[in-house]
Amino acid sequence: MTTVSKNAAPVKTHRSKAKAEATRRGLLYALPDWLMIIMLFFVPIVLLVIMAGSRWSLMGGNRGWNFPENFVKVFENKLLGQSVLFTLEYTVIVTIFLLVLGLGLALIVQESTKWNICCARASCCRPQPVSPPLRCCSTRCTPRRWAPSPRS
């Protein structure tokens, strides 16, 4: 960073060691997030591009590069149009259904009656009271009658 006065040449100011340490610490805090983004987003995209351009069998793995032939076969296939149309129809129908379902559940939860709050908690937030076998897995609230017997 430089500061300029009217009569003097630019003077460089140095960052303090504490600010540099804070920047380094911030980058270290962000490192696990960046590693997860790279591993769960960028690596699969690179693998997808490699698989799309190669002759990749289901059980045999990579059998060499086969870039233009793969895509020529796909676009020459007569089922491509039907599969794209089915995918678009499925996406539209499921999206509309899930939006209606989600908005309906939001309206039910928004009402502040005791019945709605209890049902919302029981079905969404805490499924353990609904299913007794799930209670056996819980360590916090295991009732006596479902508690596993101690082995001798």
N, C-alpha and C. Protein backbone atom coordinates (compact mmCIF):
# COMPACT_ATOMS: atom_id res chain seq x y z
N MET A 1 0.85 -1.16 0.00
CA MET A 1 0.00 0.00 0.00
C MET A 1 0.90 1.22 0.00
N THR A 2 0.55 2.19 -0.79
CA THR A 2 1.37 3.39 -0.87
C THR A 2 0.54 4.60 -0.49
N THR A 3 1.22 5.54 0.13
CA THR A 3 0.57 6.81 0.45
C THR A 3 1.35 7.91 -0.26
N VAL A 4 0.65 8.89 -0.78
CA VAL A 4 1.29 9.95 -1.54
C VAL A 4 0.93 11.28 -0.90
N SER A 5 1.96 12.05 -0.61
CA SER A 5 1.73 13.42 -0.14
C SER A 5 1.97 14.36 -1.32
N LYS A 6 1.68 15.62 -1.14
CA LYS A 6 1.81 16.57 -2.24
C LYS A 6 3.26 16.77 -2.68
N ASN A 7 4.17 16.85 -1.74
CA ASN A 7 5.55 17.20 -2.07
C ASN A 7 6.51 16.03 -2.03
N ALA A 8 6.07 14.86 -1.62
CA ALA A 8 7.01 13.75 -1.44
C ALA A 8 6.71 12.63 -2.42
N ALA A 9 7.71 11.79 -2.59
CA ALA A 9 7.54 10.62 -3.44
C ALA A 9 6.71 9.58 -2.69
N PRO A 10 6.16 8.60 -3.39
CA PRO A 10 5.37 7.58 -2.70
C PRO A 10 6.19 6.84 -1.65
N VAL A 11 5.57 6.64 -0.50
CA VAL A 11 6.21 5.95 0.61
C VAL A 11 5.47 4.64 0.84
N LYS A 12 6.21 3.55 0.82
CA LYS A 12 5.59 2.25 1.05
C LYS A 12 5.43 2.01 2.55
N THR A 13 4.26 1.54 2.91
CA THR A 13 4.01 1.18 4.30
C THR A 13 3.93 -0.34 4.37
N HIS A 14 4.50 -0.94 5.38
CA HIS A 14 4.55 -2.39 5.54
C HIS A 14 3.42 -2.84 6.46
N ARG A 15 2.89 -4.02 6.12
CA ARG A 15 1.87 -4.59 7.00
C ARG A 15 2.54 -5.08 8.28
N SER A 16 1.80 -5.04 9.32
CA SER A 16 2.34 -5.51 10.58
C SER A 16 2.37 -7.04 10.59
N LYS A 17 3.21 -7.58 11.44
CA LYS A 17 3.32 -9.04 11.56
C LYS A 17 2.02 -9.64 12.07
N ALA A 18 1.30 -8.92 12.93
CA ALA A 18 0.05 -9.43 13.46
C ALA A 18 -1.00 -9.56 12.36
N LYS A 19 -1.04 -8.60 11.45
CA LYS A 19 -2.01 -8.66 10.36
C LYS A 19 -1.66 -9.79 9.40
N ALA A 20 -0.37 -9.99 9.15
CA ALA A 20 0.05 -11.10 8.30
C ALA A 20 -0.31 -12.44 8.95
N GLU A 21 -0.13 -12.55 10.25
CA GLU A 21 -0.47 -13.77 10.97
C GLU A 21 -1.98 -14.01 10.95
N ALA A 22 -2.77 -12.93 11.07
CA ALA A 22 -4.23 -13.08 11.02
C ALA A 22 -4.66 -13.53 9.63
N THR A 23 -4.02 -13.01 8.60
CA THR A 23 -4.34 -13.44 7.23
C THR A 23 -3.99 -14.90 7.03
N ARG A 24 -2.85 -15.32 7.51
CA ARG A 24 -2.42 -16.71 7.40
C ARG A 24 -3.38 -17.63 8.16
N ARG A 25 -3.79 -17.21 9.34
CA ARG A 25 -4.72 -18.00 10.14
C ARG A 25 -6.07 -18.11 9.44
N GLY A 26 -6.52 -17.03 8.83
CA GLY A 26 -7.78 -17.06 8.09
C GLY A 26 -7.72 -18.02 6.92
N LEU A 27 -6.59 -18.02 6.21
CA LEU A 27 -6.43 -18.95 5.09
C LEU A 27 -6.39 -20.39 5.58
N LEU A 28 -5.80 -20.62 6.73
CA LEU A 28 -5.78 -21.98 7.28
C LEU A 28 -7.16 -22.43 7.71
N TYR A 29 -7.98 -21.49 8.22
CA TYR A 29 -9.36 -21.84 8.57
C TYR A 29 -10.18 -22.19 7.33
N ALA A 30 -9.89 -21.54 6.22
CA ALA A 30 -10.63 -21.79 4.99
C ALA A 30 -10.13 -23.02 4.24
N LEU A 31 -8.97 -23.52 4.59
CA LEU A 31 -8.38 -24.64 3.86
C LEU A 31 -9.24 -25.90 3.86
N PRO A 32 -9.83 -26.34 4.98
CA PRO A 32 -10.69 -27.53 4.92
C PRO A 32 -11.88 -27.36 3.99
N ASP A 33 -12.46 -26.16 3.96
CA ASP A 33 -13.58 -25.93 3.05
C ASP A 33 -13.13 -26.04 1.60
N TRP A 34 -11.99 -25.46 1.29
CA TRP A 34 -11.48 -25.54 -0.09
C TRP A 34 -11.14 -26.97 -0.47
N LEU A 35 -10.59 -27.72 0.46
CA LEU A 35 -10.29 -29.12 0.16
C LEU A 35 -11.57 -29.91 -0.13
N MET A 36 -12.63 -29.66 0.64
CA MET A 36 -13.89 -30.35 0.39
C MET A 36 -14.49 -29.94 -0.95
N ILE A 37 -14.40 -28.66 -1.29
CA ILE A 37 -14.92 -28.20 -2.58
C ILE A 37 -14.15 -28.85 -3.71
N ILE A 38 -12.84 -28.92 -3.58
CA ILE A 38 -12.03 -29.54 -4.63
C ILE A 38 -12.34 -31.02 -4.74
N MET A 39 -12.43 -31.72 -3.61
CA MET A 39 -12.64 -33.16 -3.65
C MET A 39 -14.06 -33.54 -4.08
N LEU A 40 -15.05 -32.75 -3.71
CA LEU A 40 -16.43 -33.13 -3.99
C LEU A 40 -17.01 -32.46 -5.22
N PHE A 41 -16.30 -31.48 -5.81
CA PHE A 41 -16.82 -30.79 -6.98
C PHE A 41 -15.88 -30.87 -8.17
N PHE A 42 -14.65 -30.42 -8.00
CA PHE A 42 -13.74 -30.34 -9.14
C PHE A 42 -13.22 -31.71 -9.57
N VAL A 43 -12.87 -32.56 -8.64
CA VAL A 43 -12.36 -33.89 -9.00
C VAL A 43 -13.41 -34.70 -9.75
N PRO A 44 -14.69 -34.74 -9.30
CA PRO A 44 -15.68 -35.47 -10.11
C PRO A 44 -15.89 -34.89 -11.50
N ILE A 45 -15.79 -33.59 -11.66
CA ILE A 45 -15.94 -33.00 -12.99
C ILE A 45 -14.79 -33.42 -13.89
N VAL A 46 -13.58 -33.42 -13.37
CA VAL A 46 -12.43 -33.85 -14.17
C VAL A 46 -12.58 -35.33 -14.54
N LEU A 47 -12.98 -36.16 -13.59
CA LEU A 47 -13.20 -37.58 -13.88
C LEU A 47 -14.31 -37.79 -14.90
N LEU A 48 -15.34 -36.98 -14.83
CA LEU A 48 -16.43 -37.08 -15.79
C LEU A 48 -15.97 -36.75 -17.20
N VAL A 49 -15.15 -35.72 -17.34
CA VAL A 49 -14.62 -35.35 -18.66
C VAL A 49 -13.71 -36.46 -19.19
N ILE A 50 -12.89 -37.03 -18.33
CA ILE A 50 -12.00 -38.12 -18.75
C ILE A 50 -12.82 -39.34 -19.18
N MET A 51 -13.85 -39.69 -18.40
CA MET A 51 -14.68 -40.84 -18.75
C MET A 51 -15.48 -40.59 -20.03
N ALA A 52 -15.93 -39.36 -20.23
CA ALA A 52 -16.73 -39.07 -21.42
C ALA A 52 -15.90 -39.19 -22.69
N GLY A 53 -14.62 -38.90 -22.61
CA GLY A 53 -13.79 -38.95 -23.79
C GLY A 53 -13.04 -40.24 -23.98
N SER A 54 -13.25 -41.21 -23.13
CA SER A 54 -12.50 -42.46 -23.26
C SER A 54 -13.44 -43.63 -23.44
N ARG A 55 -12.91 -44.76 -23.80
CA ARG A 55 -13.66 -46.00 -23.94
C ARG A 55 -13.64 -46.66 -22.58
N TRP A 56 -14.67 -46.44 -21.81
CA TRP A 56 -14.72 -46.85 -20.41
C TRP A 56 -15.79 -47.91 -20.26
N SER A 57 -15.39 -49.15 -20.04
CA SER A 57 -16.38 -50.20 -19.85
C SER A 57 -16.80 -50.25 -18.39
N LEU A 58 -17.89 -50.93 -18.15
CA LEU A 58 -18.45 -50.95 -16.80
C LEU A 58 -17.52 -51.65 -15.81
N MET A 59 -16.98 -52.80 -16.17
CA MET A 59 -16.14 -53.55 -15.26
C MET A 59 -14.65 -53.46 -15.57
N GLY A 60 -14.31 -53.04 -16.80
CA GLY A 60 -12.91 -53.07 -17.21
C GLY A 60 -12.14 -51.79 -16.96
N GLY A 61 -12.81 -50.68 -16.78
CA GLY A 61 -12.11 -49.43 -16.56
C GLY A 61 -11.74 -48.76 -17.88
N ASN A 62 -10.76 -47.90 -17.83
CA ASN A 62 -10.34 -47.12 -18.98
C ASN A 62 -9.61 -48.01 -19.99
N ARG A 63 -10.07 -47.97 -21.23
CA ARG A 63 -9.44 -48.77 -22.28
C ARG A 63 -8.92 -47.88 -23.42
N GLY A 64 -8.55 -46.67 -23.12
CA GLY A 64 -7.98 -45.78 -24.12
C GLY A 64 -8.90 -44.63 -24.47
N TRP A 65 -8.34 -43.68 -25.20
CA TRP A 65 -9.05 -42.47 -25.56
C TRP A 65 -9.92 -42.73 -26.78
N ASN A 66 -11.17 -42.28 -26.73
CA ASN A 66 -12.13 -42.51 -27.79
C ASN A 66 -13.03 -41.29 -27.94
N PHE A 67 -12.42 -40.11 -28.05
CA PHE A 67 -13.19 -38.87 -27.91
C PHE A 67 -14.25 -38.64 -28.98
N PRO A 68 -13.97 -38.51 -30.22
CA PRO A 68 -15.07 -38.10 -31.10
C PRO A 68 -16.09 -39.19 -31.34
N GLU A 69 -15.68 -40.45 -31.33
CA GLU A 69 -16.61 -41.54 -31.64
C GLU A 69 -17.72 -41.67 -30.60
N ASN A 70 -17.40 -41.42 -29.33
CA ASN A 70 -18.42 -41.52 -28.28
C ASN A 70 -19.58 -40.57 -28.55
N PHE A 71 -19.28 -39.34 -28.84
CA PHE A 71 -20.32 -38.35 -29.01
C PHE A 71 -21.04 -38.50 -30.34
N VAL A 72 -20.37 -38.96 -31.35
CA VAL A 72 -21.03 -39.23 -32.63
C VAL A 72 -22.07 -40.33 -32.45
N LYS A 73 -21.72 -41.38 -31.71
CA LYS A 73 -22.66 -42.47 -31.45
C LYS A 73 -23.88 -41.97 -30.67
N VAL A 74 -23.66 -41.10 -29.71
CA VAL A 74 -24.77 -40.61 -28.90
C VAL A 74 -25.73 -39.80 -29.75
N PHE A 75 -25.22 -38.89 -30.57
CA PHE A 75 -26.11 -38.04 -31.36
C PHE A 75 -26.73 -38.76 -32.54
N GLU A 76 -26.19 -39.89 -32.95
CA GLU A 76 -26.81 -40.69 -34.01
C GLU A 76 -27.85 -41.65 -33.47
N ASN A 77 -27.90 -41.86 -32.18
CA ASN A 77 -28.84 -42.80 -31.58
C ASN A 77 -30.26 -42.25 -31.67
N LYS A 78 -31.22 -43.08 -32.09
CA LYS A 78 -32.59 -42.61 -32.26
C LYS A 78 -33.33 -42.44 -30.92
N LEU A 79 -32.80 -42.99 -29.82
CA LEU A 79 -33.45 -42.86 -28.52
C LEU A 79 -33.03 -41.59 -27.77
N LEU A 80 -32.13 -40.81 -28.33
CA LEU A 80 -31.66 -39.60 -27.64
C LEU A 80 -32.79 -38.61 -27.43
N GLY A 81 -33.57 -38.35 -28.46
CA GLY A 81 -34.67 -37.39 -28.34
C GLY A 81 -35.70 -37.82 -27.32
N GLN A 82 -36.05 -39.11 -27.33
CA GLN A 82 -37.04 -39.62 -26.38
C GLN A 82 -36.53 -39.53 -24.94
N SER A 83 -35.25 -39.83 -24.74
CA SER A 83 -34.71 -39.80 -23.38
C SER A 83 -34.60 -38.36 -22.87
N VAL A 84 -34.23 -37.42 -23.73
CA VAL A 84 -34.16 -36.02 -23.31
C VAL A 84 -35.56 -35.50 -22.99
N LEU A 85 -36.54 -35.85 -23.82
CA LEU A 85 -37.92 -35.43 -23.57
C LEU A 85 -38.45 -36.02 -22.26
N PHE A 86 -38.19 -37.30 -22.02
CA PHE A 86 -38.62 -37.92 -20.76
C PHE A 86 -37.97 -37.24 -19.56
N THR A 87 -36.68 -36.93 -19.68
CA THR A 87 -35.97 -36.27 -18.58
C THR A 87 -36.58 -34.90 -18.28
N LEU A 88 -36.88 -34.14 -19.32
CA LEU A 88 -37.48 -32.82 -19.11
C LEU A 88 -38.88 -32.94 -18.49
N GLU A 89 -39.70 -33.87 -18.98
CA GLU A 89 -41.03 -34.06 -18.40
C GLU A 89 -40.93 -34.48 -16.93
N TYR A 90 -40.07 -35.42 -16.65
CA TYR A 90 -39.89 -35.89 -15.27
C TYR A 90 -39.44 -34.75 -14.36
N THR A 91 -38.50 -33.94 -14.83
CA THR A 91 -38.01 -32.83 -14.03
C THR A 91 -39.11 -31.83 -13.73
N VAL A 92 -39.89 -31.48 -14.73
CA VAL A 92 -40.97 -30.50 -14.52
C VAL A 92 -42.03 -31.04 -13.57
N ILE A 93 -42.45 -32.29 -13.78
CA ILE A 93 -43.50 -32.87 -12.93
C ILE A 93 -43.04 -33.01 -11.49
N VAL A 94 -41.83 -33.52 -11.28
CA VAL A 94 -41.33 -33.71 -9.91
C VAL A 94 -41.10 -32.37 -9.23
N THR A 95 -40.60 -31.38 -9.98
CA THR A 95 -40.38 -30.06 -9.38
C THR A 95 -41.70 -29.44 -8.93
N ILE A 96 -42.71 -29.51 -9.76
CA ILE A 96 -44.02 -28.96 -9.37
C ILE A 96 -44.57 -29.70 -8.16
N PHE A 97 -44.48 -31.03 -8.17
CA PHE A 97 -44.97 -31.82 -7.04
C PHE A 97 -44.25 -31.45 -5.74
N LEU A 98 -42.93 -31.35 -5.80
CA LEU A 98 -42.17 -31.04 -4.59
C LEU A 98 -42.41 -29.62 -4.12
N LEU A 99 -42.61 -28.68 -5.03
CA LEU A 99 -42.94 -27.33 -4.61
C LEU A 99 -44.28 -27.27 -3.90
N VAL A 100 -45.28 -27.95 -4.45
CA VAL A 100 -46.59 -27.97 -3.80
C VAL A 100 -46.50 -28.65 -2.44
N LEU A 101 -45.80 -29.77 -2.38
CA LEU A 101 -45.63 -30.48 -1.11
C LEU A 101 -44.90 -29.63 -0.08
N GLY A 102 -43.82 -28.98 -0.50
CA GLY A 102 -43.06 -28.14 0.43
C GLY A 102 -43.84 -26.95 0.91
N LEU A 103 -44.57 -26.29 0.01
CA LEU A 103 -45.38 -25.15 0.43
C LEU A 103 -46.52 -25.59 1.34
N GLY A 104 -47.10 -26.75 1.06
CA GLY A 104 -48.15 -27.26 1.94
C GLY A 104 -47.62 -27.56 3.33
N LEU A 105 -46.46 -28.19 3.41
CA LEU A 105 -45.87 -28.45 4.73
C LEU A 105 -45.48 -27.16 5.43
N ALA A 106 -45.03 -26.17 4.68
CA ALA A 106 -44.69 -24.89 5.30
C ALA A 106 -45.93 -24.21 5.86
N LEU A 107 -47.05 -24.30 5.16
CA LEU A 107 -48.28 -23.72 5.68
C LEU A 107 -48.77 -24.45 6.92
N ILE A 108 -48.61 -25.77 6.94
CA ILE A 108 -49.01 -26.54 8.12
C ILE A 108 -48.15 -26.17 9.32
N VAL A 109 -46.85 -26.06 9.11
CA VAL A 109 -45.94 -25.75 10.21
C VAL A 109 -46.12 -24.30 10.66
N GLN A 110 -46.52 -23.42 9.75
CA GLN A 110 -46.66 -22.01 10.09
C GLN A 110 -47.79 -21.79 11.08
N GLU A 111 -48.85 -22.57 11.00
CA GLU A 111 -49.93 -22.44 11.96
C GLU A 111 -49.41 -22.80 13.34
N SER A 112 -49.80 -22.05 14.34
CA SER A 112 -49.22 -22.23 15.67
C SER A 112 -50.15 -22.99 16.62
N THR A 113 -50.88 -23.95 16.11
CA THR A 113 -51.68 -24.76 17.01
C THR A 113 -50.80 -25.84 17.62
N LYS A 114 -51.20 -26.33 18.76
CA LYS A 114 -50.40 -27.33 19.46
C LYS A 114 -50.29 -28.62 18.65
N TRP A 115 -51.35 -29.02 17.96
CA TRP A 115 -51.35 -30.24 17.18
C TRP A 115 -50.34 -30.16 16.04
N ASN A 116 -50.32 -29.05 15.33
CA ASN A 116 -49.40 -28.89 14.20
C ASN A 116 -47.94 -28.89 14.67
N ILE A 117 -47.67 -28.23 15.77
CA ILE A 117 -46.30 -28.18 16.28
C ILE A 117 -45.84 -29.57 16.71
N CYS A 118 -46.70 -30.30 17.38
CA CYS A 118 -46.33 -31.65 17.82
C CYS A 118 -46.10 -32.57 16.63
N CYS A 119 -46.97 -32.49 15.62
CA CYS A 119 -46.79 -33.35 14.44
C CYS A 119 -45.53 -32.98 13.68
N ALA A 120 -45.25 -31.70 13.57
CA ALA A 120 -44.05 -31.28 12.85
C ALA A 120 -42.80 -31.75 13.57
N ARG A 121 -42.79 -31.61 14.88
CA ARG A 121 -41.63 -32.08 15.64
C ARG A 121 -41.46 -33.59 15.54
N ALA A 122 -42.58 -34.30 15.62
CA ALA A 122 -42.50 -35.76 15.60
C ALA A 122 -42.08 -36.29 14.24
N SER A 123 -42.52 -35.65 13.17
CA SER A 123 -42.24 -36.21 11.85
C SER A 123 -40.95 -35.68 11.25
N CYS A 124 -40.60 -34.43 11.52
CA CYS A 124 -39.44 -33.84 10.85
C CYS A 124 -38.21 -33.80 11.73
N CYS A 125 -38.37 -33.30 12.91
CA CYS A 125 -37.20 -33.00 13.74
C CYS A 125 -36.70 -34.19 14.54
N ARG A 126 -37.60 -35.02 15.00
CA ARG A 126 -37.19 -36.09 15.90
C ARG A 126 -37.97 -37.37 15.60
N PRO A 127 -37.49 -38.18 14.69
CA PRO A 127 -38.25 -39.39 14.34
C PRO A 127 -38.17 -40.49 15.38
N GLN A 128 -37.40 -40.33 16.44
CA GLN A 128 -37.25 -41.40 17.43
C GLN A 128 -38.55 -41.73 18.17
N PRO A 129 -39.39 -40.77 18.54
CA PRO A 129 -40.62 -41.17 19.24
C PRO A 129 -41.57 -41.97 18.36
N VAL A 130 -41.43 -41.89 17.05
CA VAL A 130 -42.33 -42.59 16.15
C VAL A 130 -41.97 -44.07 16.06
N SER A 131 -40.69 -44.39 16.11
CA SER A 131 -40.25 -45.76 15.89
C SER A 131 -39.48 -46.29 17.10
N PRO A 132 -40.05 -47.22 17.85
CA PRO A 132 -39.35 -47.76 19.02
C PRO A 132 -38.01 -48.43 18.70
N PRO A 133 -37.84 -49.13 17.56
CA PRO A 133 -36.52 -49.70 17.31
C PRO A 133 -35.42 -48.65 17.17
N LEU A 134 -35.79 -47.46 16.71
CA LEU A 134 -34.79 -46.40 16.62
C LEU A 134 -34.37 -45.92 17.99
N ARG A 135 -35.24 -46.06 18.97
CA ARG A 135 -34.88 -45.63 20.31
C ARG A 135 -33.75 -46.47 20.88
N CYS A 136 -33.67 -47.70 20.48
CA CYS A 136 -32.62 -48.57 21.00
C CYS A 136 -31.24 -48.06 20.58
N CYS A 137 -31.19 -47.38 19.45
CA CYS A 137 -29.91 -46.86 18.97
C CYS A 137 -29.51 -45.58 19.68
N SER A 138 -30.48 -44.89 20.28
CA SER A 138 -30.20 -43.61 20.92
C SER A 138 -29.56 -43.84 22.28
N THR A 139 -28.55 -43.07 22.59
CA THR A 139 -27.88 -43.21 23.89
C THR A 139 -28.47 -42.28 24.93
N ARG A 140 -29.15 -41.21 24.48
CA ARG A 140 -29.66 -40.25 25.45
C ARG A 140 -30.97 -40.67 26.07
N CYS A 141 -31.88 -41.21 25.28
CA CYS A 141 -33.21 -41.47 25.81
C CYS A 141 -33.65 -42.91 25.53
N THR A 142 -32.92 -43.84 26.03
CA THR A 142 -33.30 -45.23 25.86
C THR A 142 -34.19 -45.65 27.02
N PRO A 143 -35.45 -45.99 26.74
CA PRO A 143 -36.32 -46.42 27.83
C PRO A 143 -35.89 -47.79 28.36
N ARG A 144 -36.32 -48.10 29.56
CA ARG A 144 -35.93 -49.34 30.21
C ARG A 144 -36.41 -50.57 29.46
N ARG A 145 -37.63 -50.54 28.93
CA ARG A 145 -38.16 -51.76 28.33
C ARG A 145 -37.49 -52.10 27.02
N TRP A 146 -36.83 -51.10 26.34
CA TRP A 146 -36.13 -51.40 25.11
C TRP A 146 -34.62 -51.41 25.28
N ALA A 147 -34.16 -51.22 26.49
CA ALA A 147 -32.72 -51.17 26.72
C ALA A 147 -32.12 -52.55 26.50
N PRO A 148 -30.97 -52.60 25.85
CA PRO A 148 -30.34 -53.91 25.65
C PRO A 148 -29.91 -54.50 26.99
N SER A 149 -30.06 -55.81 27.12
CA SER A 149 -29.68 -56.46 28.38
C SER A 149 -28.17 -56.58 28.44
N PRO A 150 -27.60 -56.37 29.62
CA PRO A 150 -26.15 -56.49 29.76
C PRO A 150 -25.73 -57.95 29.66
N ARG A 151 -24.63 -58.17 29.00
CA ARG A 151 -24.12 -59.55 28.87
C ARG A 151 -23.16 -59.85 29.99
N SER A 152 -23.20 -61.07 30.47
CA SER A 152 -22.33 -61.43 31.59
C SER A 152 -20.96 -61.85 31.09
